N, C-alpha and C. Protein backbone atom coordinates (compact mmCIF):
# COMPACT_ATOMS: atom_id res chain seq x y z
N MET A 1 101.71 64.96 90.39
CA MET A 1 101.03 64.09 91.81
C MET A 1 98.84 63.30 90.86
N ALA A 2 98.47 63.80 90.46
CA ALA A 2 96.90 63.74 89.95
C ALA A 2 96.87 62.78 89.82
N ILE A 3 97.95 62.35 88.45
CA ILE A 3 98.05 61.28 87.71
C ILE A 3 98.64 59.95 88.12
N LYS A 4 98.65 60.32 88.91
CA LYS A 4 99.32 58.23 89.89
C LYS A 4 98.49 58.05 90.66
N LYS A 5 97.92 58.90 91.46
CA LYS A 5 96.80 58.09 91.82
C LYS A 5 95.21 57.69 91.11
N PRO A 6 94.99 58.30 90.31
CA PRO A 6 94.03 57.19 89.59
C PRO A 6 94.38 56.85 88.47
N VAL A 7 96.24 56.29 88.15
CA VAL A 7 96.68 54.67 87.78
C VAL A 7 96.75 54.07 88.50
N ALA A 8 97.22 54.25 89.96
CA ALA A 8 96.87 53.38 90.99
C ALA A 8 95.41 52.75 91.14
N ALA A 9 94.74 53.53 90.64
CA ALA A 9 92.83 52.93 90.70
C ALA A 9 92.18 52.43 90.16
N LYS A 10 93.11 52.74 88.97
CA LYS A 10 92.80 51.71 87.54
C LYS A 10 93.35 50.40 88.05
N LYS A 11 94.79 50.30 88.87
CA LYS A 11 95.22 48.72 88.54
C LYS A 11 94.76 47.83 89.77
N VAL A 12 94.08 48.89 90.58
CA VAL A 12 93.02 48.39 92.00
C VAL A 12 92.04 47.73 91.17
N VAL A 13 91.04 48.43 90.45
CA VAL A 13 90.21 48.56 89.74
C VAL A 13 90.47 47.22 88.86
N ALA A 14 90.78 47.33 88.10
CA ALA A 14 91.84 46.16 87.04
C ALA A 14 91.67 44.33 87.91
N LYS A 15 92.25 44.77 88.72
CA LYS A 15 93.16 43.23 89.38
C LYS A 15 91.29 42.65 90.23
N LYS A 16 90.85 43.56 90.88
CA LYS A 16 89.07 43.27 91.05
C LYS A 16 88.57 42.60 90.23
N ALA A 17 88.50 43.40 88.65
CA ALA A 17 87.77 42.35 88.14
C ALA A 17 88.07 41.34 87.74
N VAL A 18 89.31 40.63 87.32
CA VAL A 18 89.85 40.35 86.50
C VAL A 18 89.33 38.90 87.35
N ALA A 19 89.82 39.56 88.65
CA ALA A 19 89.49 38.41 89.41
C ALA A 19 88.44 37.58 89.79
N LYS A 20 86.98 38.78 90.04
CA LYS A 20 85.66 38.19 89.83
C LYS A 20 85.35 37.53 88.14
N LYS A 21 85.53 37.86 87.63
CA LYS A 21 84.94 37.51 85.77
C LYS A 21 86.30 37.59 84.58
N PRO A 22 86.76 36.79 84.62
CA PRO A 22 88.05 37.15 83.20
C PRO A 22 87.51 37.47 82.06
N VAL A 23 86.61 37.50 81.50
CA VAL A 23 84.82 37.98 80.16
C VAL A 23 85.14 39.39 80.40
N ALA A 24 84.20 39.54 81.71
CA ALA A 24 83.23 40.23 82.21
C ALA A 24 84.51 41.66 82.40
N ALA A 25 85.42 41.48 82.45
CA ALA A 25 86.38 42.14 83.25
C ALA A 25 86.94 42.58 82.48
N LYS A 26 87.06 42.30 81.25
CA LYS A 26 88.10 43.74 80.13
C LYS A 26 87.24 44.54 80.02
N LYS A 27 85.44 43.87 79.53
CA LYS A 27 84.70 45.10 79.32
C LYS A 27 84.52 45.90 79.90
N THR A 28 84.32 45.55 81.48
CA THR A 28 84.46 46.50 82.50
C THR A 28 85.69 47.16 82.85
N VAL A 29 87.12 46.88 82.40
CA VAL A 29 88.23 47.12 82.51
C VAL A 29 88.30 48.61 81.52
N THR A 30 87.91 48.82 80.29
CA THR A 30 87.74 49.81 79.28
C THR A 30 86.51 50.81 79.63
N LYS A 31 85.09 49.95 80.20
CA LYS A 31 84.76 50.88 80.66
C LYS A 31 84.06 51.50 82.22
N ALA A 32 85.07 50.75 83.37
CA ALA A 32 85.15 51.01 84.41
C ALA A 32 85.62 51.77 85.04
N PRO A 33 86.79 51.63 84.29
CA PRO A 33 88.20 52.44 85.19
C PRO A 33 87.47 53.93 84.05
N ALA A 34 86.75 54.33 82.82
CA ALA A 34 86.68 56.11 82.38
C ALA A 34 85.61 56.44 83.21
N LYS A 35 84.86 55.71 84.02
CA LYS A 35 84.17 56.17 85.00
C LYS A 35 84.68 56.44 86.56
N LYS A 36 85.21 55.32 86.93
CA LYS A 36 86.01 55.33 88.35
C LYS A 36 87.35 56.69 88.28
N PRO A 37 88.03 56.47 87.26
CA PRO A 37 89.43 58.04 87.76
C PRO A 37 88.13 58.85 88.00
N VAL A 38 87.20 59.59 86.87
CA VAL A 38 86.24 60.31 87.42
C VAL A 38 85.72 60.61 88.56
N ALA A 39 85.02 59.57 89.67
CA ALA A 39 84.77 59.89 90.39
C ALA A 39 86.09 59.58 91.55
N VAL A 40 87.12 59.05 91.08
CA VAL A 40 87.90 59.03 92.42
C VAL A 40 89.47 60.43 91.95
N LYS A 41 89.05 61.20 91.01
CA LYS A 41 89.65 62.02 91.01
C LYS A 41 88.83 63.78 91.44
N LYS A 42 87.46 63.20 91.70
CA LYS A 42 86.89 64.28 92.25
C LYS A 42 86.66 64.31 94.01
N PRO A 43 86.89 63.73 94.63
CA PRO A 43 87.44 63.31 95.95
C PRO A 43 88.85 63.68 96.37
N VAL A 44 90.17 63.61 95.03
CA VAL A 44 91.41 63.52 95.81
C VAL A 44 91.33 65.16 94.79
N ALA A 45 90.74 64.96 93.73
CA ALA A 45 90.78 66.84 93.79
C ALA A 45 90.49 67.56 95.13
N THR A 46 89.07 67.07 95.42
CA THR A 46 89.14 67.71 97.09
C THR A 46 89.39 67.87 97.91
N LYS A 47 90.49 66.20 98.63
CA LYS A 47 91.10 66.89 99.21
C LYS A 47 92.35 67.67 99.31
N LYS A 48 93.03 67.39 97.75
CA LYS A 48 94.37 68.11 97.98
C LYS A 48 93.95 69.78 98.14
N PRO A 49 93.33 70.59 97.54
CA PRO A 49 93.16 71.90 98.22
C PRO A 49 93.06 72.15 99.75
N ALA A 50 92.52 70.99 100.46
CA ALA A 50 92.24 70.52 101.68
C ALA A 50 93.08 71.19 102.41
N THR A 51 94.46 70.06 101.96
CA THR A 51 95.53 69.96 102.28
C THR A 51 96.42 71.30 102.10
N GLU A 52 96.27 71.47 100.70
CA GLU A 52 96.56 72.97 100.43
C GLU A 52 96.68 74.23 100.41
N LYS A 53 95.72 74.38 101.56
CA LYS A 53 95.10 75.56 102.20
C LYS A 53 96.01 76.16 103.26
N PRO A 54 96.30 75.03 104.40
CA PRO A 54 97.69 75.68 104.54
C PRO A 54 98.64 76.65 104.93
N LYS A 55 99.02 77.30 103.38
CA LYS A 55 99.85 77.87 103.33
C LYS A 55 100.22 79.29 103.82
N LEU A 56 101.36 79.34 103.57
CA LEU A 56 101.82 80.46 104.11
C LEU A 56 101.96 81.64 103.54
N THR A 57 101.63 83.25 104.46
CA THR A 57 101.54 84.12 103.24
C THR A 57 102.26 85.22 103.72
N VAL A 58 103.33 85.64 102.51
CA VAL A 58 104.26 86.55 103.33
C VAL A 58 103.96 87.47 102.48
N LYS A 59 103.97 88.57 103.60
CA LYS A 59 103.57 89.96 103.47
C LYS A 59 104.29 90.29 103.31
N ALA A 60 104.48 91.18 101.61
CA ALA A 60 105.98 92.38 101.36
C ALA A 60 105.43 93.54 102.13
N LYS A 61 106.94 93.73 102.50
CA LYS A 61 106.94 94.38 102.97
C LYS A 61 107.42 95.93 102.45
N SER A 62 107.25 97.12 103.23
CA SER A 62 106.93 98.22 102.74
C SER A 62 108.27 99.11 102.91
N ALA A 63 108.91 100.04 102.11
CA ALA A 63 109.73 101.13 102.60
C ALA A 63 110.23 101.44 103.25
N LYS A 64 109.23 101.55 104.13
CA LYS A 64 109.61 101.95 105.17
C LYS A 64 109.53 101.15 106.43
N GLU A 65 109.47 99.97 106.38
CA GLU A 65 109.03 99.33 106.91
C GLU A 65 111.26 98.04 106.85
N LEU A 66 111.52 98.83 105.96
CA LEU A 66 113.00 98.49 105.70
C LEU A 66 113.90 98.94 105.88
N ALA A 67 113.64 100.17 105.58
CA ALA A 67 114.21 101.05 106.21
C ALA A 67 114.83 101.50 107.75
N THR A 68 113.17 101.13 108.42
CA THR A 68 112.97 100.81 109.57
C THR A 68 114.49 99.91 110.39
N LYS A 69 113.95 98.78 109.25
CA LYS A 69 114.67 97.37 109.93
C LYS A 69 116.19 97.22 109.77
N LYS A 70 116.27 98.48 108.70
CA LYS A 70 118.32 98.95 107.79
C LYS A 70 118.40 99.17 109.35
N GLY A 71 117.74 99.93 110.29
CA GLY A 71 117.98 101.41 111.14
C GLY A 71 118.59 102.57 109.68
N GLU A 72 117.90 102.92 108.25
CA GLU A 72 117.98 104.43 107.78
C GLU A 72 116.52 105.05 108.00
N PRO A 73 117.35 106.31 107.73
CA PRO A 73 115.55 107.55 107.97
C PRO A 73 114.91 106.95 106.65
N TYR A 74 113.47 107.14 107.26
CA TYR A 74 112.98 107.41 105.63
C TYR A 74 112.29 108.60 105.51
N VAL A 75 111.30 109.37 104.51
CA VAL A 75 110.24 109.96 104.32
C VAL A 75 109.89 109.74 103.08
N SER A 76 108.44 110.14 102.73
CA SER A 76 108.29 109.93 101.47
C SER A 76 106.90 110.99 101.31
N ILE A 77 106.77 111.69 100.14
CA ILE A 77 105.35 111.93 99.96
C ILE A 77 104.18 110.72 99.86
N LEU A 78 103.33 110.84 100.05
CA LEU A 78 102.31 110.14 100.02
C LEU A 78 100.40 110.86 99.03
N SER A 79 100.69 111.79 99.49
CA SER A 79 99.24 112.37 98.38
C SER A 79 100.09 113.87 98.45
N VAL A 80 99.84 114.60 97.50
CA VAL A 80 99.59 116.21 96.98
C VAL A 80 98.23 116.63 97.08
N GLU A 81 97.67 117.70 97.24
CA GLU A 81 96.46 118.01 97.35
C GLU A 81 96.13 119.01 97.21
N LEU A 82 95.85 119.52 96.04
CA LEU A 82 95.46 120.71 95.83
C LEU A 82 94.36 121.71 95.85
N ASP A 83 94.30 122.31 95.94
CA ASP A 83 92.79 123.68 95.72
C ASP A 83 92.49 123.96 94.34
N VAL A 84 90.91 123.32 93.77
CA VAL A 84 90.58 123.43 92.66
C VAL A 84 90.47 124.96 92.01
N ASN A 85 89.75 125.78 93.10
CA ASN A 85 89.56 127.02 92.59
C ASN A 85 90.52 127.92 92.76
N ASP A 86 91.91 127.07 93.43
CA ASP A 86 93.13 128.14 93.98
C ASP A 86 94.15 127.48 93.93
N ILE A 87 94.71 126.96 92.56
CA ILE A 87 95.85 125.97 92.38
C ILE A 87 97.09 126.63 93.19
N GLY A 88 97.34 127.32 93.48
CA GLY A 88 98.31 127.92 94.04
C GLY A 88 98.73 127.49 95.70
N ASN A 89 97.48 127.03 96.51
CA ASN A 89 97.23 126.72 97.31
C ASN A 89 96.71 124.75 97.53
N GLY A 90 97.48 124.14 98.27
CA GLY A 90 97.66 122.85 98.51
C GLY A 90 98.38 121.84 99.02
N ALA A 91 97.91 120.69 99.54
CA ALA A 91 99.08 120.31 100.80
C ALA A 91 99.24 119.20 100.23
N PHE A 92 100.99 118.74 101.07
CA PHE A 92 101.67 117.43 100.48
C PHE A 92 101.39 116.47 101.97
N GLU A 93 101.18 115.27 102.15
CA GLU A 93 100.92 114.30 102.77
C GLU A 93 102.18 113.53 103.14
N LEU A 94 102.78 114.07 104.60
CA LEU A 94 104.02 113.44 104.63
C LEU A 94 104.32 111.54 105.13
N ASP A 95 104.58 110.72 104.74
CA ASP A 95 105.56 110.04 105.30
C ASP A 95 106.90 108.92 106.25
N TRP A 96 106.46 108.94 107.33
CA TRP A 96 108.16 109.12 108.16
C TRP A 96 108.32 107.66 108.86
N ASN A 97 109.49 107.41 109.68
CA ASN A 97 110.19 106.55 110.33
C ASN A 97 110.56 107.49 111.81
N ASP A 98 110.41 106.66 112.80
CA ASP A 98 111.18 108.03 113.53
C ASP A 98 112.92 107.96 113.85
N ILE A 99 113.53 107.33 112.81
CA ILE A 99 114.69 107.37 112.58
C ILE A 99 114.75 108.74 112.01
N PHE A 100 113.89 108.75 111.19
CA PHE A 100 114.38 110.20 110.30
C PHE A 100 113.66 111.25 111.40
N VAL A 101 113.21 111.41 111.78
CA VAL A 101 112.79 113.09 113.20
C VAL A 101 114.28 112.56 114.33
N ALA A 102 114.36 111.28 114.50
CA ALA A 102 115.60 111.46 115.30
C ALA A 102 117.12 112.28 114.80
N LYS A 103 116.88 111.72 113.70
CA LYS A 103 118.01 113.15 112.99
C LYS A 103 117.94 114.24 112.55
N LEU A 104 116.12 114.69 112.33
CA LEU A 104 116.19 116.31 112.11
C LEU A 104 116.29 116.95 114.02
N ILE A 105 115.86 115.92 114.29
CA ILE A 105 116.29 116.74 116.23
C ILE A 105 117.59 117.23 116.12
N LYS A 106 118.70 115.71 116.02
CA LYS A 106 119.62 115.95 115.20
C LYS A 106 120.92 117.02 114.92
N ALA A 107 119.97 117.37 113.87
CA ALA A 107 120.19 118.95 113.18
C ALA A 107 119.54 120.03 113.59
N GLY A 108 119.20 120.29 114.70
CA GLY A 108 118.42 121.38 114.96
C GLY A 108 117.37 121.63 114.93
N TYR A 109 116.30 120.46 114.36
CA TYR A 109 114.96 120.85 113.42
C TYR A 109 114.39 120.64 114.99
N LYS A 110 113.13 121.99 115.70
CA LYS A 110 112.31 122.13 117.08
C LYS A 110 111.26 121.61 116.81
N GLY A 111 110.27 121.15 117.69
CA GLY A 111 108.86 120.97 117.42
C GLY A 111 108.22 120.19 119.30
N LYS A 112 106.69 120.39 119.23
CA LYS A 112 106.61 119.44 119.80
C LYS A 112 106.05 118.48 119.93
N THR A 113 106.18 117.59 118.69
CA THR A 113 105.25 117.29 117.89
C THR A 113 106.74 116.16 117.25
N ASP A 114 106.51 114.80 116.93
CA ASP A 114 107.26 114.55 115.67
C ASP A 114 106.39 114.86 114.41
N ALA A 115 105.61 115.27 113.81
CA ALA A 115 104.96 116.27 113.12
C ALA A 115 105.12 117.52 113.22
N ASP A 116 105.22 117.98 114.41
CA ASP A 116 105.93 119.75 114.59
C ASP A 116 107.63 120.02 113.83
N VAL A 117 108.18 118.76 114.21
CA VAL A 117 109.28 118.37 113.64
C VAL A 117 109.52 118.37 112.21
N VAL A 118 108.76 117.39 111.11
CA VAL A 118 108.83 117.66 110.13
C VAL A 118 108.31 118.66 109.40
N ASP A 119 107.58 118.80 109.80
CA ASP A 119 106.98 120.24 109.40
C ASP A 119 107.95 121.19 108.93
N ASN A 120 108.61 121.69 110.90
CA ASN A 120 109.76 122.93 110.54
C ASN A 120 110.69 122.11 109.59
N TRP A 121 110.89 120.95 108.93
CA TRP A 121 112.05 120.59 107.95
C TRP A 121 111.44 120.46 106.44
N PHE A 122 109.85 120.32 106.18
CA PHE A 122 109.76 120.54 104.86
C PHE A 122 109.54 122.03 104.95
N LYS A 123 109.55 122.63 105.77
CA LYS A 123 109.57 124.48 105.44
C LYS A 123 110.31 124.97 104.91
N THR A 124 111.90 124.62 105.66
CA THR A 124 113.00 124.82 105.44
C THR A 124 113.17 124.44 104.05
N ILE A 125 112.85 122.76 103.39
CA ILE A 125 112.96 122.75 102.64
C ILE A 125 112.36 123.69 101.34
N CYS A 126 111.59 123.54 101.38
CA CYS A 126 110.38 125.12 100.72
C CYS A 126 110.96 126.25 100.59
N ARG A 127 111.89 126.97 101.87
CA ARG A 127 112.01 127.83 101.50
C ARG A 127 113.17 127.85 100.64
N ASN A 128 114.44 127.12 101.14
CA ASN A 128 116.09 126.94 99.75
C ASN A 128 114.70 126.45 98.61
N ILE A 129 114.16 126.22 98.69
CA ILE A 129 113.99 125.89 96.91
C ILE A 129 113.76 127.02 96.08
N LEU A 130 112.71 128.04 96.88
CA LEU A 130 112.39 129.01 96.34
C LEU A 130 113.15 129.83 96.44
N THR A 131 113.93 129.88 97.45
CA THR A 131 115.27 131.11 97.36
C THR A 131 116.05 130.70 96.13
N GLU A 132 116.46 129.19 95.77
CA GLU A 132 117.12 128.92 95.01
C GLU A 132 116.92 129.08 93.90
N GLU A 133 115.41 129.50 93.26
CA GLU A 133 114.78 129.74 91.77
C GLU A 133 114.37 131.33 91.63
N TYR A 134 114.55 131.60 92.79
CA TYR A 134 114.88 133.33 92.90
C TYR A 134 116.11 133.28 92.09
N GLU A 135 116.77 133.39 92.36
CA GLU A 135 118.77 133.28 92.75
C GLU A 135 118.47 133.04 91.65
N GLN A 136 118.76 131.83 91.09
CA GLN A 136 118.61 131.38 89.54
C GLN A 136 117.61 132.14 88.05
N TRP A 137 116.18 133.22 88.91
CA TRP A 137 115.60 133.70 88.13
C TRP A 137 115.91 135.85 87.45
N GLU A 138 116.80 135.76 88.78
CA GLU A 138 117.06 136.74 88.92
C GLU A 138 118.70 136.68 88.05
N ALA A 139 119.83 136.31 87.94
CA ALA A 139 120.72 136.11 87.96
C ALA A 139 120.12 135.79 85.92
N ASN A 140 119.53 135.47 85.49
CA ASN A 140 119.18 135.19 83.81
C ASN A 140 118.07 136.39 83.73
N GLN A 141 117.76 137.80 84.20
CA GLN A 141 117.16 138.03 83.79
C GLN A 141 118.69 139.54 83.29
N PRO A 142 117.51 139.76 82.23
CA PRO A 142 119.27 141.33 81.42
C PRO A 142 118.77 141.91 82.61
N GLU A 143 120.11 143.13 82.22
CA GLU A 143 120.65 143.98 83.78
C GLU A 143 120.02 144.69 84.32
N GLU A 144 119.25 145.92 83.39
CA GLU A 144 118.65 146.63 83.41
C GLU A 144 117.41 145.36 84.06
N MET A 145 117.03 144.55 84.25
CA MET A 145 115.43 143.74 84.48
C MET A 145 115.17 144.23 85.99
N ARG A 146 117.12 143.41 86.79
CA ARG A 146 116.75 143.29 88.04
C ARG A 146 117.52 144.27 88.51
N PRO A 147 116.95 144.02 90.34
CA PRO A 147 116.66 144.70 91.17
C PRO A 147 117.75 145.47 91.34
N ARG A 148 117.68 146.80 91.54
CA ARG A 148 118.57 147.98 91.75
C ARG A 148 118.74 147.57 93.15
N VAL A 149 120.34 147.52 93.82
CA VAL A 149 120.70 147.52 94.98
C VAL A 149 120.78 148.98 95.58
N ILE A 150 120.29 148.88 96.10
CA ILE A 150 121.11 150.56 96.77
C ILE A 150 121.72 150.45 98.24
N ASP A 151 122.91 151.23 98.10
CA ASP A 151 124.08 151.29 98.94
C ASP A 151 124.30 152.40 99.71
N ARG A 152 123.55 153.39 100.74
CA ARG A 152 123.73 154.26 101.63
C ARG A 152 125.21 154.26 102.70
N ARG A 153 126.24 155.26 102.36
CA ARG A 153 127.01 155.17 104.07
C ARG A 153 127.01 156.91 104.07
N ASP A 154 126.57 157.03 105.07
CA ASP A 154 126.56 158.30 106.34
C ASP A 154 128.51 158.64 106.02
N LEU A 155 128.61 159.66 105.51
CA LEU A 155 130.03 159.69 105.90
C LEU A 155 130.11 161.48 106.17
N GLY A 156 129.25 161.25 107.31
CA GLY A 156 129.27 162.03 108.95
C GLY A 156 129.26 164.05 107.98
N ASP A 157 128.96 165.05 108.64
CA ASP A 157 128.43 166.16 109.24
C ASP A 157 127.08 165.75 107.94
N GLY A 158 126.31 165.57 108.60
CA GLY A 158 125.05 165.18 107.62
C GLY A 158 124.84 164.73 106.49
N LYS A 159 125.97 164.43 105.32
CA LYS A 159 126.09 163.81 104.32
C LYS A 159 125.90 162.68 104.68
N THR A 160 124.82 161.99 103.44
CA THR A 160 125.32 160.79 102.91
C THR A 160 125.57 160.45 101.90
N GLU A 161 126.01 159.06 101.10
CA GLU A 161 126.40 158.83 99.86
C GLU A 161 125.79 157.24 99.72
N VAL A 162 124.98 158.17 98.00
CA VAL A 162 124.30 156.79 97.80
C VAL A 162 124.76 156.41 96.52
N SER A 163 124.48 155.33 96.52
CA SER A 163 125.39 154.49 94.38
C SER A 163 124.41 153.42 94.24
């Protein structure tokens, strides 16, 4: 589009110059259009951004917003903080939507606030992971390294069977 407007300006300048002085018009046509399109381009260039400024800006929706719009539960870990002095201590920062909290409440999780409900769910997840890891560790231990299970059975008359 920027090319079309300077071409139209050249034609208008050439017609005006030809009408006034035919001999000088050839000289001014070759010299003047080189100067005038530069002058014409600058105002055109400044006008175009002015007309193009009111563009629509579309903000990308987050995964949470998309899930909420679809009616799906959403939970995500935003950050993990670890204590530099004690690497075994830390915290997780979670983000969730109301649909996720409603699903947890239907599943039986309780709490005074949404954060309490999600915290109870997260504690359950952590316990399940720990239990699963321990059971796997225990199953992989040699027989002599496994913890012994001692069963006691009362036989009566003050006697107990231990195995």
